[in-house]
Amino acid sequence: MTVDRGVCDGPWHRRHGFAVDVMLAAGFVLLDTGLTLVGAAWWPEHPGPLAWVMLGAQALACASVAVRRTAPLAVVGVLGVFTLAVTLLISPAGVLTPAHRGNVWAPLATTLAAYGPLFYQRDRRTAYLALAAFTLVVMRPWAPSLTNMTVGLLRTAVGPLLALYFDTRRKLMQALVERAERAERERHLLAERARAEERARLAGEMHDVVTHRVSLMVLQAGALKVTSADEATRRAAEELRAAGCQALEELRDLVGILRTAPQGDRTPSVAGFADLVAESVAVGTPTELTEVGDPALASPVVGRTAYRVLREALTNVRKHAPGARVIVRVEYDNAQVRLTVRNTPPTGGPRSALAGTGSGLGIAHLRQRIELVHGTLHAGPCSDGGFSVEATLPAFVPTSEAAV
């Protein structure tokens, strides 16, 4: 089991925490040294050189609290070794004789040191083992005394209990913050969904109302063309009927955009060919675009279909023919739009990282889409080792005949 220290690992928190720990370490050095000298610990009545050496060792052990965040187990080990050494020097070695034998306590710094492993150590199992050994040393079960064992247990238990409390509190606060952020994200998504549904509803209503009226106009214009004896009237009626049909197509395209496209999303069309070519050149695939005729001759459905053909063809070149040069030619006329994408032989092998992506059905799906608009698609290798994709589409396709 690991402890996620979260925000406690930031640079500011590390610097601030180290400064606090240095001050705590200095405070414990002064406190434990003062208590020892006044006889509240193991200090002998007539101190010799060994006692002064051990006093200095105690000061260094207490000073190790300064690194309790970065090395909590090391701090526990240092204070544990010092406490064990002092107690063994008193008994059974007998080289230290405390002035008050009932005041042989571990340094007060052990209380803060015991806090570290559970709060800063990632491996909880190691932390529990270290604290168990530390508790045995501080309690001194080899010199059993109810007072000594009780005080020793309290010194090593208060720190871990505080660590568990603060760790649980921090995790709870993090969970509450994450829950609030998740609720905010969900609220935003629900609002976006509601806006999209309202936009689709308004688009549908607009489509139903306007289509009904324009359809009546088209039918009346058609009837007028058939029944009128005046040539000028028949010509005007035909122009009115054609304009109404074109308005219906554009309305269906616009409604489709309102229903599916998010704000800022561009609708694919022949106007996007230059952007596709520029993107291909930017990633290192030399690509030339030649357009013959007026792009306005391509209806919106045809423009979207041709855009997808070109995008798929350029994607396949980048995947399977690295180093190849691509020539794109688009011809527009009143009857059809012809798109040809031809690449030279590749200069290197296929890029496995790219060739392995995708479903492998790109050309098949394009062929199905093109057949829906009554077009044709030919794709295959060229005699020079390159590859060619050629799509022939009718220039005009009513929107209702195509599944875009």
Protein backbone atom coordinates (compact mmCIF):
# COMPACT_ATOMS: atom_id res chain seq x y z
CA MET A 1 0.00 0.00 0.00
CA THR A 2 1.32 3.44 -0.90
CA VAL A 3 0.70 6.89 0.47
CA ASP A 4 -0.09 9.57 -2.09
CA ARG A 5 1.57 12.67 -0.79
CA GLY A 6 -0.18 14.89 -3.36
CA VAL A 7 0.43 18.58 -2.86
CA CYS A 8 2.97 17.95 -0.13
CA ASP A 9 5.58 17.25 -2.83
CA GLY A 10 5.58 20.73 -4.41
CA PRO A 11 8.85 22.71 -4.47
CA TRP A 12 7.50 25.47 -2.22
CA HIS A 13 6.16 22.94 0.28
CA ARG A 14 9.50 21.08 0.30
CA ARG A 15 11.50 24.25 1.01
CA HIS A 16 9.01 25.50 3.57
CA GLY A 17 8.79 22.07 5.23
CA PHE A 18 12.57 21.71 5.47
CA ALA A 19 12.88 25.12 7.12
CA VAL A 20 10.22 24.12 9.66
CA ASP A 21 11.96 20.81 10.32
CA VAL A 22 15.30 22.54 10.88
CA MET A 23 13.70 24.76 13.51
CA LEU A 24 12.00 21.75 15.12
CA ALA A 25 15.29 19.87 15.16
CA ALA A 26 17.07 22.80 16.83
CA GLY A 27 14.28 23.04 19.39
CA PHE A 28 14.47 19.35 20.26
CA VAL A 29 18.27 19.50 20.50
CA LEU A 30 18.02 22.31 23.07
CA LEU A 31 15.07 20.72 24.89
CA ASP A 32 16.53 17.21 25.19
CA THR A 33 19.99 18.53 26.08
CA GLY A 34 18.55 20.79 28.78
CA LEU A 35 16.36 18.03 30.26
CA THR A 36 19.30 15.65 30.29
CA LEU A 37 21.60 18.12 32.07
CA VAL A 38 19.03 18.84 34.80
CA GLY A 39 18.66 15.13 35.53
CA ALA A 40 15.34 14.46 33.80
CA ALA A 41 16.93 11.68 31.71
CA TRP A 42 19.95 9.41 31.86
CA TRP A 43 22.56 12.03 32.95
CA PRO A 44 24.92 10.75 35.72
CA GLU A 45 25.58 12.67 38.93
CA HIS A 46 29.32 12.82 38.16
CA PRO A 47 29.57 12.90 34.36
CA GLY A 48 32.75 11.63 32.78
CA PRO A 49 34.08 11.80 29.20
CA LEU A 50 31.71 9.02 28.07
CA ALA A 51 28.68 10.96 29.31
CA TRP A 52 29.70 14.07 27.40
CA VAL A 53 30.31 11.99 24.27
CA MET A 54 26.84 10.46 24.58
CA LEU A 55 25.35 13.91 25.16
CA GLY A 56 26.89 15.06 21.88
CA ALA A 57 25.60 11.91 20.17
CA GLN A 58 22.12 12.65 21.53
CA ALA A 59 22.27 16.18 20.11
CA LEU A 60 23.22 14.80 16.69
CA ALA A 61 20.47 12.17 16.88
CA CYS A 62 17.90 14.84 17.72
CA ALA A 63 19.23 17.01 14.89
CA SER A 64 18.41 14.24 12.41
CA VAL A 65 14.75 15.28 12.77
CA ALA A 66 15.58 17.95 10.16
CA VAL A 67 15.39 15.27 7.43
CA ARG A 68 12.32 13.44 8.73
CA ARG A 69 10.37 14.17 5.52
CA THR A 70 12.96 12.91 3.06
CA ALA A 71 14.42 10.08 5.17
CA PRO A 72 11.88 9.14 7.88
CA LEU A 73 13.25 5.63 8.38
CA ALA A 74 16.80 6.92 8.76
CA VAL A 75 15.68 9.33 11.52
CA VAL A 76 13.91 6.51 13.35
CA GLY A 77 17.00 4.34 12.97
CA VAL A 78 19.38 6.99 14.31
CA LEU A 79 17.28 7.75 17.39
CA GLY A 80 16.62 4.05 17.95
CA VAL A 81 20.32 3.18 17.86
CA PHE A 82 21.15 6.02 20.26
CA THR A 83 18.40 5.00 22.71
CA LEU A 84 19.50 1.37 22.57
CA ALA A 85 23.16 2.33 23.11
CA VAL A 86 22.36 4.48 26.16
CA THR A 87 20.19 1.81 27.80
CA LEU A 88 22.80 -0.91 27.20
CA LEU A 89 25.57 1.29 28.59
CA ILE A 90 23.48 1.70 31.75
CA SER A 91 22.48 -1.96 31.98
CA PRO A 92 23.98 -4.48 31.63
CA ALA A 93 27.29 -2.72 30.79
CA GLY A 94 27.12 -0.49 33.87
CA VAL A 95 29.50 2.14 32.49
CA LEU A 96 26.88 4.89 32.93
CA THR A 97 25.14 5.45 36.25
CA PRO A 98 22.17 7.81 36.02
CA ALA A 99 21.62 10.20 38.86
CA HIS A 100 17.95 9.16 38.87
CA ARG A 101 17.45 5.58 37.62
CA GLY A 102 13.71 6.14 37.23
CA ASN A 103 14.31 8.86 34.61
CA VAL A 104 16.02 6.83 31.90
CA TRP A 105 13.88 7.96 28.98
CA ALA A 106 14.44 8.13 25.29
CA PRO A 107 14.83 11.67 23.87
CA LEU A 108 11.61 13.58 23.31
CA ALA A 109 12.55 13.83 19.63
CA THR A 110 11.45 10.19 19.28
CA THR A 111 7.83 11.36 19.43
CA LEU A 112 8.24 13.48 16.30
CA ALA A 113 10.44 10.88 14.61
CA ALA A 114 7.74 8.22 14.99
CA TYR A 115 5.36 10.49 13.06
CA GLY A 116 7.40 10.35 9.85
CA PRO A 117 7.25 6.75 8.55
CA LEU A 118 3.46 6.55 8.30
CA PHE A 119 3.06 9.98 6.70
CA TYR A 120 6.13 10.25 4.44
CA GLN A 121 7.16 6.65 3.76
CA ARG A 122 5.52 5.15 0.67
CA ASP A 123 5.84 1.52 1.77
CA ARG A 124 3.46 1.12 4.72
CA ARG A 125 4.64 -2.41 5.53
CA THR A 126 8.23 -1.23 6.01
CA ALA A 127 6.97 1.70 8.08
CA TYR A 128 5.04 -0.57 10.45
CA LEU A 129 8.03 -2.89 10.90
CA ALA A 130 10.36 0.03 11.64
CA LEU A 131 7.92 1.50 14.18
CA ALA A 132 7.49 -1.89 15.88
CA ALA A 133 11.26 -2.22 16.36
CA PHE A 134 11.49 1.41 17.46
CA THR A 135 8.74 0.87 20.05
CA LEU A 136 10.55 -2.15 21.53
CA VAL A 137 13.75 -0.14 21.93
CA VAL A 138 11.99 2.81 23.57
CA MET A 139 9.88 0.59 25.89
CA ARG A 140 12.96 -1.45 27.04
CA PRO A 141 11.19 -4.76 27.71
CA TRP A 142 14.53 -6.22 28.97
CA ALA A 143 14.21 -3.88 31.98
CA PRO A 144 10.50 -4.28 32.65
CA SER A 145 8.77 -1.45 34.43
CA LEU A 146 5.14 -0.43 34.06
CA THR A 147 6.05 3.26 34.04
CA ASN A 148 8.89 2.88 31.54
CA MET A 149 6.86 0.72 29.16
CA THR A 150 3.78 2.95 29.36
CA VAL A 151 5.72 6.16 28.73
CA GLY A 152 7.75 4.49 25.96
CA LEU A 153 4.60 3.23 24.24
CA LEU A 154 3.00 6.68 24.42
CA ARG A 155 6.07 8.31 22.91
CA THR A 156 6.05 6.02 19.89
CA ALA A 157 2.25 5.82 19.51
CA VAL A 158 1.28 9.50 19.59
CA GLY A 159 3.25 10.32 16.46
CA PRO A 160 1.84 7.49 14.27
CA LEU A 161 -1.69 8.20 15.47
CA LEU A 162 -1.31 11.85 14.49
CA ALA A 163 0.19 10.80 11.17
CA LEU A 164 -2.74 8.50 10.43
CA TYR A 165 -5.19 11.26 11.37
CA PHE A 166 -3.59 13.92 9.18
CA ASP A 167 -3.07 11.49 6.31
CA THR A 168 -6.73 10.44 6.40
CA ARG A 169 -7.85 14.05 6.64
CA ARG A 170 -5.69 15.04 3.66
CA LYS A 171 -7.02 12.17 1.56
CA LEU A 172 -10.57 13.09 2.50
CA MET A 173 -10.00 16.70 1.44
CA GLN A 174 -8.48 15.54 -1.85
CA ALA A 175 -11.46 13.26 -2.45
CA LEU A 176 -13.87 16.13 -1.77
CA VAL A 177 -11.97 18.42 -4.14
CA GLU A 178 -11.93 15.75 -6.86
CA ARG A 179 -15.63 15.12 -6.37
CA ALA A 180 -16.38 18.84 -6.68
CA GLU A 181 -14.26 19.09 -9.84
CA ARG A 182 -15.96 16.02 -11.30
CA ALA A 183 -19.38 17.47 -10.52
CA GLU A 184 -18.37 20.73 -12.22
CA ARG A 185 -17.21 18.84 -15.32
CA GLU A 186 -20.42 16.83 -15.40
CA ARG A 187 -22.48 20.01 -15.06
CA HIS A 188 -20.58 21.55 -17.95
CA LEU A 189 -21.11 18.44 -20.09
CA LEU A 190 -24.81 18.38 -19.28
CA ALA A 191 -25.08 22.03 -20.26
CA GLU A 192 -23.28 21.33 -23.55
CA ARG A 193 -25.56 18.38 -24.21
CA ALA A 194 -28.66 20.47 -23.48
CA ARG A 195 -27.46 23.16 -25.88
CA ALA A 196 -26.77 20.57 -28.58
CA GLU A 197 -30.20 19.01 -28.13
CA GLU A 198 -31.88 22.42 -28.25
CA ARG A 199 -29.93 23.31 -31.38
CA ALA A 200 -30.97 20.02 -33.00
CA ARG A 201 -34.61 20.63 -32.00
CA LEU A 202 -34.61 24.15 -33.46
CA ALA A 203 -32.89 22.87 -36.60
CA GLY A 204 -35.56 20.21 -37.01
CA GLU A 205 -38.37 22.70 -36.54
CA MET A 206 -36.80 25.10 -38.99
CA HIS A 207 -36.35 22.29 -41.50
CA ASP A 208 -39.97 21.14 -41.18
CA VAL A 209 -41.48 24.62 -41.49
CA VAL A 210 -39.30 25.98 -44.29
CA THR A 211 -39.20 22.72 -46.27
CA HIS A 212 -42.98 22.52 -46.25
CA ARG A 213 -43.39 26.05 -47.63
CA VAL A 214 -40.58 25.82 -50.18
CA SER A 215 -41.84 22.42 -51.37
CA LEU A 216 -45.24 23.97 -52.06
CA MET A 217 -43.54 26.72 -54.06
CA VAL A 218 -41.59 24.16 -56.10
CA LEU A 219 -44.72 22.13 -56.84
CA GLN A 220 -46.67 25.22 -57.84
CA ALA A 221 -43.82 26.38 -60.08
CA GLY A 222 -43.72 22.96 -61.73
CA ALA A 223 -47.46 23.00 -62.30
CA LEU A 224 -47.26 26.52 -63.74
CA LYS A 225 -44.56 25.42 -66.17
CA VAL A 226 -46.74 22.57 -67.44
CA THR A 227 -50.02 24.48 -67.71
CA SER A 228 -48.84 27.87 -68.92
CA ALA A 229 -49.05 28.64 -72.64
CA ASP A 230 -46.67 31.57 -72.47
CA GLU A 231 -43.00 30.69 -73.09
CA ALA A 232 -41.67 33.45 -70.84
CA THR A 233 -43.92 32.29 -68.04
CA ARG A 234 -42.77 28.67 -68.44
CA ARG A 235 -39.13 29.79 -68.38
CA ALA A 236 -39.68 31.85 -65.24
CA ALA A 237 -41.52 28.97 -63.60
CA GLU A 238 -38.62 26.59 -64.37
CA GLU A 239 -36.11 29.03 -62.90
CA LEU A 240 -38.29 29.35 -59.81
CA ARG A 241 -38.56 25.58 -59.49
CA ALA A 242 -34.78 25.10 -59.86
CA ALA A 243 -34.08 27.81 -57.30
CA GLY A 244 -36.49 26.16 -54.87
CA CYS A 245 -34.80 22.75 -55.29
CA GLN A 246 -31.39 24.33 -54.70
CA ALA A 247 -32.73 26.07 -51.59
CA LEU A 248 -34.00 22.74 -50.25
CA GLU A 249 -30.59 21.15 -50.74
CA GLU A 250 -28.77 23.97 -49.01
CA LEU A 251 -31.30 23.91 -46.20
CA ARG A 252 -30.75 20.19 -45.63
CA ASP A 253 -26.97 20.72 -45.56
CA LEU A 254 -27.34 23.58 -43.09
CA VAL A 255 -29.64 21.58 -40.84
CA GLY A 256 -27.17 18.70 -40.88
CA ILE A 257 -24.43 21.06 -39.72
CA LEU A 258 -26.61 22.46 -36.93
CA ARG A 259 -27.47 18.98 -35.75
CA THR A 260 -23.99 17.49 -35.69
CA ALA A 261 -21.20 20.05 -35.92
CA PRO A 262 -20.00 21.83 -32.76
CA GLN A 263 -19.28 25.53 -32.82
CA GLY A 264 -16.10 26.40 -34.68
CA ASP A 265 -16.00 23.08 -36.59
CA ARG A 266 -15.42 23.49 -40.32
CA THR A 267 -17.53 21.55 -42.81
CA PRO A 268 -15.35 19.49 -45.20
CA SER A 269 -15.53 20.76 -48.78
CA VAL A 270 -13.39 21.32 -51.85
CA ALA A 271 -12.34 24.61 -50.25
CA GLY A 272 -10.36 22.55 -47.72
CA PHE A 273 -8.14 20.85 -50.33
CA ALA A 274 -5.42 23.48 -49.96
CA ASP A 275 -5.36 23.00 -46.19
CA LEU A 276 -5.00 19.22 -46.55
CA VAL A 277 -2.11 19.67 -48.99
CA ALA A 278 -0.45 22.21 -46.69
CA GLU A 279 -0.74 19.82 -43.75
CA SER A 280 0.83 17.05 -45.83
CA VAL A 281 3.73 19.29 -46.85
CA ALA A 282 4.21 20.41 -43.24
CA VAL A 283 4.78 16.82 -42.09
CA GLY A 284 7.39 16.15 -44.78
CA THR A 285 5.37 14.72 -47.70
CA PRO A 286 5.94 16.82 -50.86
CA THR A 287 2.47 17.41 -52.34
CA GLU A 288 1.33 19.43 -55.36
CA LEU A 289 -2.27 20.49 -55.97
CA THR A 290 -3.68 21.35 -59.37
CA GLU A 291 -7.30 22.44 -59.76
CA VAL A 292 -8.93 22.84 -63.18
CA GLY A 293 -12.34 24.45 -63.49
CA ASP A 294 -14.62 26.20 -61.05
CA PRO A 295 -14.88 24.54 -57.57
CA ALA A 296 -18.31 26.11 -57.16
CA LEU A 297 -19.64 23.54 -59.64
CA ALA A 298 -19.33 20.84 -56.96
CA SER A 299 -22.42 20.56 -54.76
CA PRO A 300 -21.91 20.39 -50.97
CA VAL A 301 -22.35 16.61 -50.80
CA VAL A 302 -19.83 16.06 -53.56
CA GLY A 303 -17.41 18.47 -51.91
CA ARG A 304 -17.54 16.60 -48.63
CA THR A 305 -17.09 13.23 -50.33
CA ALA A 306 -14.12 14.45 -52.39
CA TYR A 307 -12.58 15.98 -49.28
CA ARG A 308 -12.71 12.63 -47.49
CA VAL A 309 -11.21 10.83 -50.48
CA LEU A 310 -8.26 13.22 -50.58
CA ARG A 311 -7.76 13.05 -46.81
CA GLU A 312 -7.75 9.23 -46.82
CA ALA A 313 -5.37 9.09 -49.80
CA LEU A 314 -2.86 11.48 -48.22
CA THR A 315 -3.07 9.60 -44.92
CA ASN A 316 -2.29 6.32 -46.70
CA VAL A 317 0.73 7.87 -48.43
CA ARG A 318 2.13 9.02 -45.11
CA LYS A 319 1.53 5.56 -43.61
CA HIS A 320 2.67 3.27 -46.39
CA ALA A 321 4.89 5.30 -48.75
CA PRO A 322 7.35 7.45 -46.79
CA GLY A 323 9.47 9.68 -48.99
CA ALA A 324 7.02 9.54 -51.90
CA ARG A 325 5.98 12.65 -53.82
CA VAL A 326 2.24 13.23 -54.24
CA ILE A 327 0.44 14.88 -57.16
CA VAL A 328 -3.19 15.87 -56.63
CA ARG A 329 -5.31 16.90 -59.62
CA VAL A 330 -8.93 18.02 -59.39
CA GLU A 331 -11.06 18.71 -62.50
CA TYR A 332 -14.45 20.43 -62.22
CA ASP A 333 -17.05 20.67 -64.96
CA ASN A 334 -20.81 20.86 -65.21
CA ALA A 335 -21.28 17.08 -65.23
CA GLN A 336 -18.68 15.67 -62.87
CA VAL A 337 -15.77 16.20 -60.50
CA ARG A 338 -12.70 14.07 -61.06
CA LEU A 339 -10.11 13.72 -58.29
CA THR A 340 -6.81 11.95 -58.89
CA VAL A 341 -4.19 11.37 -56.17
CA ARG A 342 -1.00 9.74 -57.43
CA ASN A 343 2.22 9.14 -55.48
CA THR A 344 5.66 8.17 -56.69
CA PRO A 345 7.40 5.02 -55.39
CA PRO A 346 8.39 5.31 -51.72
CA THR A 347 12.04 5.81 -50.82
CA GLY A 348 11.74 3.77 -47.60
CA GLY A 349 9.75 0.97 -46.07
CA PRO A 350 6.33 1.50 -44.48
CA ARG A 351 6.40 3.05 -41.04
CA SER A 352 5.20 0.22 -38.81
CA ALA A 353 4.00 2.61 -36.09
CA LEU A 354 1.66 4.27 -38.61
CA ALA A 355 0.89 1.36 -40.92
CA GLY A 356 -0.44 -0.64 -38.01
CA THR A 357 -3.01 1.99 -37.09
CA GLY A 358 -6.50 2.17 -38.47
CA SER A 359 -8.94 -0.57 -39.41
CA GLY A 360 -7.59 -1.26 -42.91
CA LEU A 361 -11.02 -0.51 -44.38
CA GLY A 362 -10.47 3.10 -45.41
CA ILE A 363 -10.62 2.52 -49.17
CA ALA A 364 -13.57 0.13 -48.82
CA HIS A 365 -15.54 2.67 -46.82
CA LEU A 366 -14.71 5.38 -49.34
CA ARG A 367 -15.92 3.18 -52.17
CA GLN A 368 -19.23 2.65 -50.38
CA ARG A 369 -19.61 6.38 -49.76
CA ILE A 370 -18.84 7.21 -53.39
CA GLU A 371 -21.29 4.61 -54.66
CA LEU A 372 -24.01 6.30 -52.59
CA VAL A 373 -23.54 9.47 -54.65
CA HIS A 374 -23.40 7.43 -57.90
CA GLY A 375 -19.68 7.89 -58.37
CA THR A 376 -16.78 5.50 -59.03
CA LEU A 377 -13.47 4.86 -57.28
CA HIS A 378 -10.39 3.17 -58.67
CA ALA A 379 -7.39 2.52 -56.42
CA GLY A 380 -4.34 0.44 -57.19
CA PRO A 381 -0.61 0.35 -57.90
CA CYS A 382 0.95 2.12 -60.87
CA SER A 383 3.41 0.63 -63.33
CA ASP A 384 6.24 2.76 -61.93
CA GLY A 385 5.79 1.37 -58.40
CA GLY A 386 3.65 4.18 -57.08
CA PHE A 387 -0.04 4.17 -56.20
CA SER A 388 -3.05 5.93 -57.63
CA VAL A 389 -6.49 6.78 -56.27
CA GLU A 390 -9.02 8.14 -58.78
CA ALA A 391 -12.55 9.19 -57.84
CA THR A 392 -15.16 10.34 -60.35
CA LEU A 393 -18.20 12.04 -58.82
CA PRO A 394 -21.26 13.71 -60.30
CA ALA A 395 -21.09 17.46 -59.88
CA PHE A 396 -24.60 17.68 -58.52
CA VAL A 397 -26.15 15.26 -55.98
CA PRO A 398 -29.38 15.94 -54.06
CA THR A 399 -28.65 15.76 -50.34
CA SER A 400 -31.42 13.25 -49.69
CA GLU A 401 -29.68 10.68 -51.90
CA ALA A 402 -26.44 10.61 -49.93
CA ALA A 403 -25.61 9.39 -46.48
CA VAL A 404 -22.93 11.85 -45.53
